[in-house]
């Protein structure tokens, strides 16, 4: 995305609000809105925003996983599989804590 093509002053937004919102939503755009020549807010399609938030969440999970691996806070795969199998067996036997 090139912000240079997506910068609009707040006055433009005020006079073309319906058009801007329609364009942002239909084309999944992101606009940078300025006020007195300074960048102030981002106007973004909600679907694009949700995708961005999901991506950030996944990146956080990866970063935390990497940190825990470096700290040795993990179980070997064999131990993890045994734990999962035990939890499934306990669930099937009526101990519903999974």
PDB file of N, CA and C in Angstrom:
ATOM      1  N   UNK A   1       0.847  -1.165   0.000  1.00  0.00           N
ATOM      2  CA  UNK A   1       0.000   0.000   0.000  1.00  0.00           C
ATOM      3  C   UNK A   1       0.895   1.230   0.000  1.00  0.00           C
ATOM      4  N   UNK A   2       0.572   2.153  -0.862  1.00  0.00           N
ATOM      5  CA  UNK A   2       1.320   3.397  -0.936  1.00  0.00           C
ATOM      6  C   UNK A   2       0.514   4.502  -0.263  1.00  0.00           C
ATOM      7  N   UNK A   3       1.017   4.970   0.890  1.00  0.00           N
ATOM      8  CA  UNK A   3       0.308   6.040   1.582  1.00  0.00           C
ATOM      9  C   UNK A   3       0.291   7.316   0.760  1.00  0.00           C
ATOM     10  N   UNK A   4       1.297   7.505  -0.093  1.00  0.00           N
ATOM     11  CA  UNK A   4       1.341   8.729  -0.888  1.00  0.00           C
ATOM     12  C   UNK A   4       0.104   8.865  -1.783  1.00  0.00           C
ATOM     13  N   UNK A   5      -0.510   7.743  -2.124  1.00  0.00           N
ATOM     14  CA  UNK A   5      -1.713   7.771  -2.950  1.00  0.00           C
ATOM     15  C   UNK A   5      -2.984   7.756  -2.103  1.00  0.00           C
ATOM     16  N   UNK A   6      -2.828   7.615  -0.790  1.00  0.00           N
ATOM     17  CA  UNK A   6      -3.983   7.448   0.082  1.00  0.00           C
ATOM     18  C   UNK A   6      -4.037   8.473   1.205  1.00  0.00           C
ATOM     19  N   UNK A   7      -3.514   9.650   0.968  1.00  0.00           N
ATOM     20  CA  UNK A   7      -3.540  10.707   1.968  1.00  0.00           C
ATOM     21  C   UNK A   7      -4.583  11.739   1.563  1.00  0.00           C
ATOM     22  N   UNK A   8      -5.479  12.026   2.499  1.00  0.00           N
ATOM     23  CA  UNK A   8      -6.522  13.029   2.233  1.00  0.00           C
ATOM     24  C   UNK A   8      -6.640  13.944   3.446  1.00  0.00           C
ATOM     25  N   UNK A   9      -6.859  15.233   3.200  1.00  0.00           N
ATOM     26  CA  UNK A   9      -7.096  16.147   4.322  1.00  0.00           C
ATOM     27  C   UNK A   9      -8.494  15.929   4.889  1.00  0.00           C
ATOM     28  N   UNK A  10      -8.664  16.315   6.131  1.00  0.00           N
ATOM     29  CA  UNK A  10      -9.961  16.136   6.783  1.00  0.00           C
ATOM     30  C   UNK A  10     -11.057  16.904   6.044  1.00  0.00           C
ATOM     31  N   UNK A  11     -10.711  18.009   5.410  1.00  0.00           N
ATOM     32  CA  UNK A  11     -11.714  18.772   4.659  1.00  0.00           C
ATOM     33  C   UNK A  11     -12.267  17.943   3.498  1.00  0.00           C
ATOM     34  N   UNK A  12     -11.410  17.151   2.866  1.00  0.00           N
ATOM     35  CA  UNK A  12     -11.870  16.271   1.782  1.00  0.00           C
ATOM     36  C   UNK A  12     -12.838  15.233   2.339  1.00  0.00           C
ATOM     37  N   UNK A  13     -12.486  14.655   3.489  1.00  0.00           N
ATOM     38  CA  UNK A  13     -13.359  13.675   4.123  1.00  0.00           C
ATOM     39  C   UNK A  13     -14.711  14.284   4.476  1.00  0.00           C
ATOM     40  N   UNK A  14     -14.700  15.498   4.983  1.00  0.00           N
ATOM     41  CA  UNK A  14     -15.949  16.166   5.360  1.00  0.00           C
ATOM     42  C   UNK A  14     -16.860  16.385   4.161  1.00  0.00           C
ATOM     43  N   UNK A  15     -16.297  16.777   3.033  1.00  0.00           N
ATOM     44  CA  UNK A  15     -17.119  17.097   1.860  1.00  0.00           C
ATOM     45  C   UNK A  15     -17.456  15.883   1.006  1.00  0.00           C
ATOM     46  N   UNK A  16     -16.712  14.783   1.166  1.00  0.00           N
ATOM     47  CA  UNK A  16     -16.935  13.599   0.345  1.00  0.00           C
ATOM     48  C   UNK A  16     -17.103  12.336   1.195  1.00  0.00           C
ATOM     49  N   UNK A  17     -17.680  12.455   2.377  1.00  0.00           N
ATOM     50  CA  UNK A  17     -17.738  11.345   3.329  1.00  0.00           C
ATOM     51  C   UNK A  17     -18.350  10.077   2.732  1.00  0.00           C
ATOM     52  N   UNK A  18     -19.516  10.184   2.115  1.00  0.00           N
ATOM     53  CA  UNK A  18     -20.182   9.001   1.557  1.00  0.00           C
ATOM     54  C   UNK A  18     -19.334   8.340   0.488  1.00  0.00           C
ATOM     55  N   UNK A  19     -18.775   9.137  -0.397  1.00  0.00           N
ATOM     56  CA  UNK A  19     -17.931   8.623  -1.485  1.00  0.00           C
ATOM     57  C   UNK A  19     -16.675   7.939  -0.917  1.00  0.00           C
ATOM     58  N   UNK A  20     -16.053   8.571   0.050  1.00  0.00           N
ATOM     59  CA  UNK A  20     -14.829   8.021   0.649  1.00  0.00           C
ATOM     60  C   UNK A  20     -15.125   6.692   1.334  1.00  0.00           C
ATOM     61  N   UNK A  21     -16.187   6.656   2.126  1.00  0.00           N
ATOM     62  CA  UNK A  21     -16.537   5.425   2.836  1.00  0.00           C
ATOM     63  C   UNK A  21     -16.866   4.307   1.866  1.00  0.00           C
ATOM     64  N   UNK A  22     -17.619   4.623   0.825  1.00  0.00           N
ATOM     65  CA  UNK A  22     -17.962   3.620  -0.183  1.00  0.00           C
ATOM     66  C   UNK A  22     -16.690   3.086  -0.858  1.00  0.00           C
ATOM     67  N   UNK A  23     -15.778   3.974  -1.228  1.00  0.00           N
ATOM     68  CA  UNK A  23     -14.532   3.579  -1.891  1.00  0.00           C
ATOM     69  C   UNK A  23     -13.661   2.724  -0.965  1.00  0.00           C
ATOM     70  N   UNK A  24     -13.547   3.136   0.281  1.00  0.00           N
ATOM     71  CA  UNK A  24     -12.738   2.381   1.250  1.00  0.00           C
ATOM     72  C   UNK A  24     -13.319   0.982   1.445  1.00  0.00           C
ATOM     73  N   UNK A  25     -14.636   0.894   1.600  1.00  0.00           N
ATOM     74  CA  UNK A  25     -15.286  -0.392   1.845  1.00  0.00           C
ATOM     75  C   UNK A  25     -15.242  -1.307   0.627  1.00  0.00           C
ATOM     76  N   UNK A  26     -15.552  -0.779  -0.548  1.00  0.00           N
ATOM     77  CA  UNK A  26     -15.606  -1.604  -1.756  1.00  0.00           C
ATOM     78  C   UNK A  26     -14.231  -2.090  -2.196  1.00  0.00           C
ATOM     79  N   UNK A  27     -13.217  -1.266  -2.001  1.00  0.00           N
ATOM     80  CA  UNK A  27     -11.871  -1.599  -2.482  1.00  0.00           C
ATOM     81  C   UNK A  27     -10.916  -2.007  -1.363  1.00  0.00           C
ATOM     82  N   UNK A  28     -11.461  -2.209  -0.170  1.00  0.00           N
ATOM     83  CA  UNK A  28     -10.665  -2.557   1.012  1.00  0.00           C
ATOM     84  C   UNK A  28      -9.411  -1.690   1.101  1.00  0.00           C
ATOM     85  N   UNK A  29      -9.653  -0.388   1.084  1.00  0.00           N
ATOM     86  CA  UNK A  29      -8.569   0.591   1.132  1.00  0.00           C
ATOM     87  C   UNK A  29      -8.297   1.045   2.552  1.00  0.00           C
ATOM     88  N   UNK A  30      -7.162   1.694   2.693  1.00  0.00           N
ATOM     89  CA  UNK A  30      -6.803   2.381   3.922  1.00  0.00           C
ATOM     90  C   UNK A  30      -6.433   3.804   3.535  1.00  0.00           C
ATOM     91  N   UNK A  31      -7.028   4.774   4.216  1.00  0.00           N
ATOM     92  CA  UNK A  31      -6.721   6.176   3.958  1.00  0.00           C
ATOM     93  C   UNK A  31      -6.088   6.801   5.194  1.00  0.00           C
ATOM     94  N   UNK A  32      -5.121   7.651   4.960  1.00  0.00           N
ATOM     95  CA  UNK A  32      -4.512   8.446   6.015  1.00  0.00           C
ATOM     96  C   UNK A  32      -5.152   9.827   5.954  1.00  0.00           C
ATOM     97  N   UNK A  33      -5.768  10.239   7.051  1.00  0.00           N
ATOM     98  CA  UNK A  33      -6.449  11.535   7.103  1.00  0.00           C
ATOM     99  C   UNK A  33      -5.561  12.518   7.865  1.00  0.00           C
ATOM    100  N   UNK A  34      -5.364  13.680   7.255  1.00  0.00           N
ATOM    101  CA  UNK A  34      -4.539  14.709   7.889  1.00  0.00           C
ATOM    102  C   UNK A  34      -5.402  15.830   8.441  1.00  0.00           C
ATOM    103  N   UNK A  35      -4.858  16.514   9.428  1.00  0.00           N
ATOM    104  CA  UNK A  35      -5.510  17.689  10.006  1.00  0.00           C
ATOM    105  C   UNK A  35      -4.416  18.716  10.252  1.00  0.00           C
ATOM    106  N   UNK A  36      -4.571  19.882   9.655  1.00  0.00           N
ATOM    107  CA  UNK A  36      -3.537  20.927   9.724  1.00  0.00           C
ATOM    108  C   UNK A  36      -2.175  20.415   9.233  1.00  0.00           C
ATOM    109  N   UNK A  37      -2.217  19.602   8.193  1.00  0.00           N
ATOM    110  CA  UNK A  37      -0.992  19.112   7.574  1.00  0.00           C
ATOM    111  C   UNK A  37      -0.309  17.957   8.276  1.00  0.00           C
ATOM    112  N   UNK A  38      -0.865  17.488   9.372  1.00  0.00           N
ATOM    113  CA  UNK A  38      -0.269  16.378  10.119  1.00  0.00           C
ATOM    114  C   UNK A  38      -1.152  15.145  10.027  1.00  0.00           C
ATOM    115  N   UNK A  39      -0.527  13.976   9.922  1.00  0.00           N
ATOM    116  CA  UNK A  39      -1.275  12.724   9.928  1.00  0.00           C
ATOM    117  C   UNK A  39      -1.964  12.568  11.274  1.00  0.00           C
ATOM    118  N   UNK A  40      -3.268  12.289  11.251  1.00  0.00           N
ATOM    119  CA  UNK A  40      -4.035  12.182  12.499  1.00  0.00           C
ATOM    120  C   UNK A  40      -4.718  10.842  12.683  1.00  0.00           C
ATOM    121  N   UNK A  41      -5.380  10.339  11.641  1.00  0.00           N
ATOM    122  CA  UNK A  41      -6.131   9.089  11.780  1.00  0.00           C
ATOM    123  C   UNK A  41      -6.012   8.249  10.514  1.00  0.00           C
ATOM    124  N   UNK A  42      -6.326   6.986  10.704  1.00  0.00           N
ATOM    125  CA  UNK A  42      -6.392   6.040   9.596  1.00  0.00           C
ATOM    126  C   UNK A  42      -7.855   5.636   9.422  1.00  0.00           C
ATOM    127  N   UNK A  43      -8.323   5.656   8.194  1.00  0.00           N
ATOM    128  CA  UNK A  43      -9.668   5.202   7.858  1.00  0.00           C
ATOM    129  C   UNK A  43      -9.481   3.911   7.068  1.00  0.00           C
ATOM    130  N   UNK A  44     -10.045   2.818   7.607  1.00  0.00           N
ATOM    131  CA  UNK A  44      -9.768   1.517   7.009  1.00  0.00           C
ATOM    132  C   UNK A  44     -11.040   0.685   6.918  1.00  0.00           C
ATOM    133  N   UNK A  45     -11.139  -0.108   5.870  1.00  0.00           N
ATOM    134  CA  UNK A  45     -12.242  -1.047   5.709  1.00  0.00           C
ATOM    135  C   UNK A  45     -12.237  -2.011   6.891  1.00  0.00           C
ATOM    136  N   UNK A  46     -13.406  -2.315   7.437  1.00  0.00           N
ATOM    137  CA  UNK A  46     -13.499  -3.147   8.633  1.00  0.00           C
ATOM    138  C   UNK A  46     -12.972  -4.562   8.383  1.00  0.00           C
ATOM    139  N   UNK A  47     -13.198  -5.116   7.205  1.00  0.00           N
ATOM    140  CA  UNK A  47     -12.698  -6.467   6.903  1.00  0.00           C
ATOM    141  C   UNK A  47     -11.173  -6.473   6.874  1.00  0.00           C
ATOM    142  N   UNK A  48     -10.593  -5.451   6.297  1.00  0.00           N
ATOM    143  CA  UNK A  48      -9.140  -5.333   6.262  1.00  0.00           C
ATOM    144  C   UNK A  48      -8.587  -5.147   7.679  1.00  0.00           C
ATOM    145  N   UNK A  49      -9.289  -4.362   8.481  1.00  0.00           N
ATOM    146  CA  UNK A  49      -8.890  -4.164   9.872  1.00  0.00           C
ATOM    147  C   UNK A  49      -8.902  -5.496  10.631  1.00  0.00           C
ATOM    148  N   UNK A  50      -9.962  -6.278  10.450  1.00  0.00           N
ATOM    149  CA  UNK A  50     -10.052  -7.577  11.118  1.00  0.00           C
ATOM    150  C   UNK A  50      -8.931  -8.505  10.690  1.00  0.00           C
ATOM    151  N   UNK A  51      -8.613  -8.525   9.407  1.00  0.00           N
ATOM    152  CA  UNK A  51      -7.499  -9.348   8.916  1.00  0.00           C
ATOM    153  C   UNK A  51      -6.187  -8.907   9.546  1.00  0.00           C
ATOM    154  N   UNK A  52      -5.999  -7.606   9.650  1.00  0.00           N
ATOM    155  CA  UNK A  52      -4.782  -7.065  10.255  1.00  0.00           C
ATOM    156  C   UNK A  52      -4.686  -7.483  11.714  1.00  0.00           C
ATOM    157  N   UNK A  53      -5.789  -7.389  12.448  1.00  0.00           N
ATOM    158  CA  UNK A  53      -5.791  -7.773  13.858  1.00  0.00           C
ATOM    159  C   UNK A  53      -5.506  -9.263  14.029  1.00  0.00           C
ATOM    160  N   UNK A  54      -6.058 -10.092  13.149  1.00  0.00           N
ATOM    161  CA  UNK A  54      -5.788 -11.534  13.202  1.00  0.00           C
ATOM    162  C   UNK A  54      -4.319 -11.820  12.926  1.00  0.00           C
ATOM    163  N   UNK A  55      -3.751 -11.121  11.969  1.00  0.00           N
ATOM    164  CA  UNK A  55      -2.331 -11.298  11.653  1.00  0.00           C
ATOM    165  C   UNK A  55      -1.455 -10.896  12.838  1.00  0.00           C
ATOM    166  N   UNK A  56      -1.795  -9.790  13.471  1.00  0.00           N
ATOM    167  CA  UNK A  56      -1.034  -9.341  14.638  1.00  0.00           C
ATOM    168  C   UNK A  56      -1.129 -10.376  15.762  1.00  0.00           C
ATOM    169  N   UNK A  57      -2.324 -10.924  15.977  1.00  0.00           N
ATOM    170  CA  UNK A  57      -2.500 -11.936  17.021  1.00  0.00           C
ATOM    171  C   UNK A  57      -1.637 -13.169  16.734  1.00  0.00           C
ATOM    172  N   UNK A  58      -1.618 -13.608  15.489  1.00  0.00           N
ATOM    173  CA  UNK A  58      -0.786 -14.765  15.125  1.00  0.00           C
ATOM    174  C   UNK A  58       0.692 -14.470  15.312  1.00  0.00           C
ATOM    175  N   UNK A  59       1.116 -13.274  14.956  1.00  0.00           N
ATOM    176  CA  UNK A  59       2.517 -12.899  15.148  1.00  0.00           C
ATOM    177  C   UNK A  59       2.882 -12.876  16.625  1.00  0.00           C
ATOM    178  N   UNK A  60       1.978 -12.406  17.469  1.00  0.00           N
ATOM    179  CA  UNK A  60       2.224 -12.410  18.916  1.00  0.00           C
ATOM    180  C   UNK A  60       2.371 -13.832  19.437  1.00  0.00           C
ATOM    181  N   UNK A  61       1.505 -14.736  18.965  1.00  0.00           N
ATOM    182  CA  UNK A  61       1.582 -16.137  19.376  1.00  0.00           C
ATOM    183  C   UNK A  61       2.925 -16.731  18.960  1.00  0.00           C
ATOM    184  N   UNK A  62       3.346 -16.447  17.740  1.00  0.00           N
ATOM    185  CA  UNK A  62       4.642 -16.949  17.272  1.00  0.00           C
ATOM    186  C   UNK A  62       5.795 -16.396  18.102  1.00  0.00           C
ATOM    187  N   UNK A  63       5.733 -15.121  18.406  1.00  0.00           N
ATOM    188  CA  UNK A  63       6.790 -14.497  19.206  1.00  0.00           C
ATOM    189  C   UNK A  63       6.844 -15.110  20.603  1.00  0.00           C
ATOM    190  N   UNK A  64       5.687 -15.308  21.221  1.00  0.00           N
ATOM    191  CA  UNK A  64       5.649 -15.924  22.546  1.00  0.00           C
ATOM    192  C   UNK A  64       6.143 -17.368  22.503  1.00  0.00           C
ATOM    193  N   UNK A  65       5.764 -18.090  21.454  1.00  0.00           N
ATOM    194  CA  UNK A  65       6.214 -19.477  21.305  1.00  0.00           C
ATOM    195  C   UNK A  65       7.730 -19.535  21.178  1.00  0.00           C
ATOM    196  N   UNK A  66       8.273 -18.652  20.360  1.00  0.00           N
ATOM    197  CA  UNK A  66       9.726 -18.608  20.188  1.00  0.00           C
ATOM    198  C   UNK A  66      10.435 -18.291  21.495  1.00  0.00           C
ATOM    199  N   UNK A  67       9.868 -17.378  22.257  1.00  0.00           N
ATOM    200  CA  UNK A  67      10.447 -16.996  23.547  1.00  0.00           C
ATOM    201  C   UNK A  67      10.428 -18.182  24.509  1.00  0.00           C
ATOM    202  N   UNK A  68       9.305 -18.897  24.562  1.00  0.00           N
ATOM    203  CA  UNK A  68       9.197 -20.044  25.458  1.00  0.00           C
ATOM    204  C   UNK A  68      10.131 -21.174  25.053  1.00  0.00           C
ATOM    205  N   UNK A  69      10.311 -21.359  23.759  1.00  0.00           N
ATOM    206  CA  UNK A  69      11.250 -22.391  23.292  1.00  0.00           C
ATOM    207  C   UNK A  69      12.664 -22.037  23.730  1.00  0.00           C
ATOM    208  N   UNK A  70      13.046 -20.770  23.582  1.00  0.00           N
ATOM    209  CA  UNK A  70      14.379 -20.330  24.007  1.00  0.00           C
ATOM    210  C   UNK A  70      14.579 -20.508  25.505  1.00  0.00           C
ATOM    211  N   UNK A  71      13.500 -20.361  26.282  1.00  0.00           N
ATOM    212  CA  UNK A  71      13.577 -20.506  27.731  1.00  0.00           C
ATOM    213  C   UNK A  71      13.435 -21.964  28.183  1.00  0.00           C
ATOM    214  N   UNK A  72      13.225 -22.866  27.224  1.00  0.00           N
ATOM    215  CA  UNK A  72      13.080 -24.282  27.558  1.00  0.00           C
ATOM    216  C   UNK A  72      11.734 -24.642  28.135  1.00  0.00           C
ATOM    217  N   UNK A  73      10.744 -23.797  27.940  1.00  0.00           N
ATOM    218  CA  UNK A  73       9.402 -24.029  28.487  1.00  0.00           C
ATOM    219  C   UNK A  73       8.522 -24.756  27.468  1.00  0.00           C
ATOM    220  N   UNK A  74       8.858 -26.000  27.221  1.00  0.00           N
ATOM    221  CA  UNK A  74       8.058 -26.801  26.295  1.00  0.00           C
ATOM    222  C   UNK A  74       8.204 -28.267  26.668  1.00  0.00           C
ATOM    223  N   UNK A  75       7.268 -29.066  26.176  1.00  0.00           N
ATOM    224  CA  UNK A  75       7.318 -30.510  26.390  1.00  0.00           C
ATOM    225  C   UNK A  75       7.729 -31.185  25.087  1.00  0.00           C
ATOM    226  N   UNK A  76       8.481 -32.263  25.192  1.00  0.00           N
ATOM    227  CA  UNK A  76       8.779 -33.036  23.981  1.00  0.00           C
ATOM    228  C   UNK A  76       7.482 -33.561  23.365  1.00  0.00           C
ATOM    229  N   UNK A  77       7.479 -33.802  22.089  1.00  0.00           N
ATOM    230  CA  UNK A  77       6.265 -34.208  21.370  1.00  0.00           C
ATOM    231  C   UNK A  77       5.660 -35.477  21.949  1.00  0.00           C
ATOM    232  N   UNK A  78       6.501 -36.433  22.332  1.00  0.00           N
ATOM    233  CA  UNK A  78       5.974 -37.687  22.885  1.00  0.00           C
ATOM    234  C   UNK A  78       5.189 -37.439  24.170  1.00  0.00           C
ATOM    235  N   UNK A  79       5.694 -36.570  25.037  1.00  0.00           N
ATOM    236  CA  UNK A  79       5.000 -36.250  26.278  1.00  0.00           C
ATOM    237  C   UNK A  79       3.695 -35.509  25.992  1.00  0.00           C
ATOM    238  N   UNK A  80       3.723 -34.598  25.038  1.00  0.00           N
ATOM    239  CA  UNK A  80       2.512 -33.857  24.674  1.00  0.00           C
ATOM    240  C   UNK A  80       1.436 -34.783  24.131  1.00  0.00           C
ATOM    241  N   UNK A  81       1.826 -35.723  23.273  1.00  0.00           N
ATOM    242  CA  UNK A  81       0.856 -36.674  22.715  1.00  0.00           C
ATOM    243  C   UNK A  81       0.273 -37.573  23.805  1.00  0.00           C
ATOM    244  N   UNK A  82       1.106 -38.005  24.752  1.00  0.00           N
ATOM    245  CA  UNK A  82       0.597 -38.810  25.868  1.00  0.00           C
ATOM    246  C   UNK A  82      -0.423 -38.019  26.675  1.00  0.00           C
ATOM    247  N   UNK A  83      -0.123 -36.752  26.929  1.00  0.00           N
ATOM    248  CA  UNK A  83      -1.063 -35.909  27.682  1.00  0.00           C
ATOM    249  C   UNK A  83      -2.391 -35.758  26.949  1.00  0.00           C
ATOM    250  N   UNK A  84      -2.337 -35.565  25.647  1.00  0.00           N
ATOM    251  CA  UNK A  84      -3.566 -35.425  24.856  1.00  0.00           C
ATOM    252  C   UNK A  84      -4.361 -36.723  24.885  1.00  0.00           C
ATOM    253  N   UNK A  85      -3.686 -37.855  24.696  1.00  0.00           N
ATOM    254  CA  UNK A  85      -4.371 -39.154  24.717  1.00  0.00           C
ATOM    255  C   UNK A  85      -5.002 -39.411  26.085  1.00  0.00           C
ATOM    256  N   UNK A  86      -4.304 -39.042  27.154  1.00  0.00           N
ATOM    257  CA  UNK A  86      -4.844 -39.219  28.505  1.00  0.00           C
ATOM    258  C   UNK A  86      -6.085 -38.354  28.696  1.00  0.00           C
ATOM    259  N   UNK A  87      -6.035 -37.121  28.240  1.00  0.00           N
ATOM    260  CA  UNK A  87      -7.192 -36.226  28.389  1.00  0.00           C
ATOM    261  C   UNK A  87      -8.391 -36.741  27.600  1.00  0.00           C
ATOM    262  N   UNK A  88      -8.137 -37.298  26.414  1.00  0.00           N
ATOM    263  CA  UNK A  88      -9.234 -37.864  25.614  1.00  0.00           C
ATOM    264  C   UNK A  88      -9.825 -39.067  26.327  1.00  0.00           C
ATOM    265  N   UNK A  89      -8.967 -39.941  26.859  1.00  0.00           N
ATOM    266  CA  UNK A  89      -9.446 -41.127  27.582  1.00  0.00           C
ATOM    267  C   UNK A  89     -10.231 -40.712  28.818  1.00  0.00           C
ATOM    268  N   UNK A  90      -9.735 -39.725  29.555  1.00  0.00           N
ATOM    269  CA  UNK A  90     -10.459 -39.248  30.746  1.00  0.00           C
ATOM    270  C   UNK A  90     -11.823 -38.692  30.358  1.00  0.00           C
ATOM    271  N   UNK A  91     -11.867 -37.970  29.260  1.00  0.00           N
ATOM    272  CA  UNK A  91     -13.130 -37.409  28.786  1.00  0.00           C
ATOM    273  C   UNK A  91     -14.125 -38.529  28.435  1.00  0.00           C
ATOM    274  N   UNK A  92     -13.630 -39.542  27.738  1.00  0.00           N
ATOM    275  CA  UNK A  92     -14.496 -40.656  27.342  1.00  0.00           C
ATOM    276  C   UNK A  92     -14.986 -41.442  28.556  1.00  0.00           C
ATOM    277  N   UNK A  93     -14.186 -41.450  29.603  1.00  0.00           N
ATOM    278  CA  UNK A  93     -14.551 -42.197  30.814  1.00  0.00           C
ATOM    279  C   UNK A  93     -15.407 -41.379  31.771  1.00  0.00           C
ATOM    280  N   UNK A  94     -15.865 -40.219  31.334  1.00  0.00           N
ATOM    281  CA  UNK A  94     -16.776 -39.444  32.140  1.00  0.00           C
ATOM    282  C   UNK A  94     -16.136 -38.329  32.951  1.00  0.00           C
ATOM    283  N   UNK A  95     -14.863 -38.218  32.900  1.00  0.00           N
ATOM    284  CA  UNK A  95     -14.192 -37.121  33.595  1.00  0.00           C
ATOM    285  C   UNK A  95     -14.085 -35.977  32.611  1.00  0.00           C
ATOM    286  N   UNK A  96     -15.092 -35.136  32.558  1.00  0.00           N
ATOM    287  CA  UNK A  96     -15.271 -34.154  31.488  1.00  0.00           C
ATOM    288  C   UNK A  96     -14.304 -32.992  31.504  1.00  0.00           C
ATOM    289  N   UNK A  97     -13.261 -33.001  32.310  1.00  0.00           N
ATOM    290  CA  UNK A  97     -12.290 -31.907  32.318  1.00  0.00           C
ATOM    291  C   UNK A  97     -11.304 -32.085  31.177  1.00  0.00           C
ATOM    292  N   UNK A  98     -11.431 -31.277  30.195  1.00  0.00           N
ATOM    293  CA  UNK A  98     -10.500 -31.340  29.045  1.00  0.00           C
ATOM    294  C   UNK A  98      -9.738 -30.060  28.952  1.00  0.00           C
TER     295      UNK A  98
END
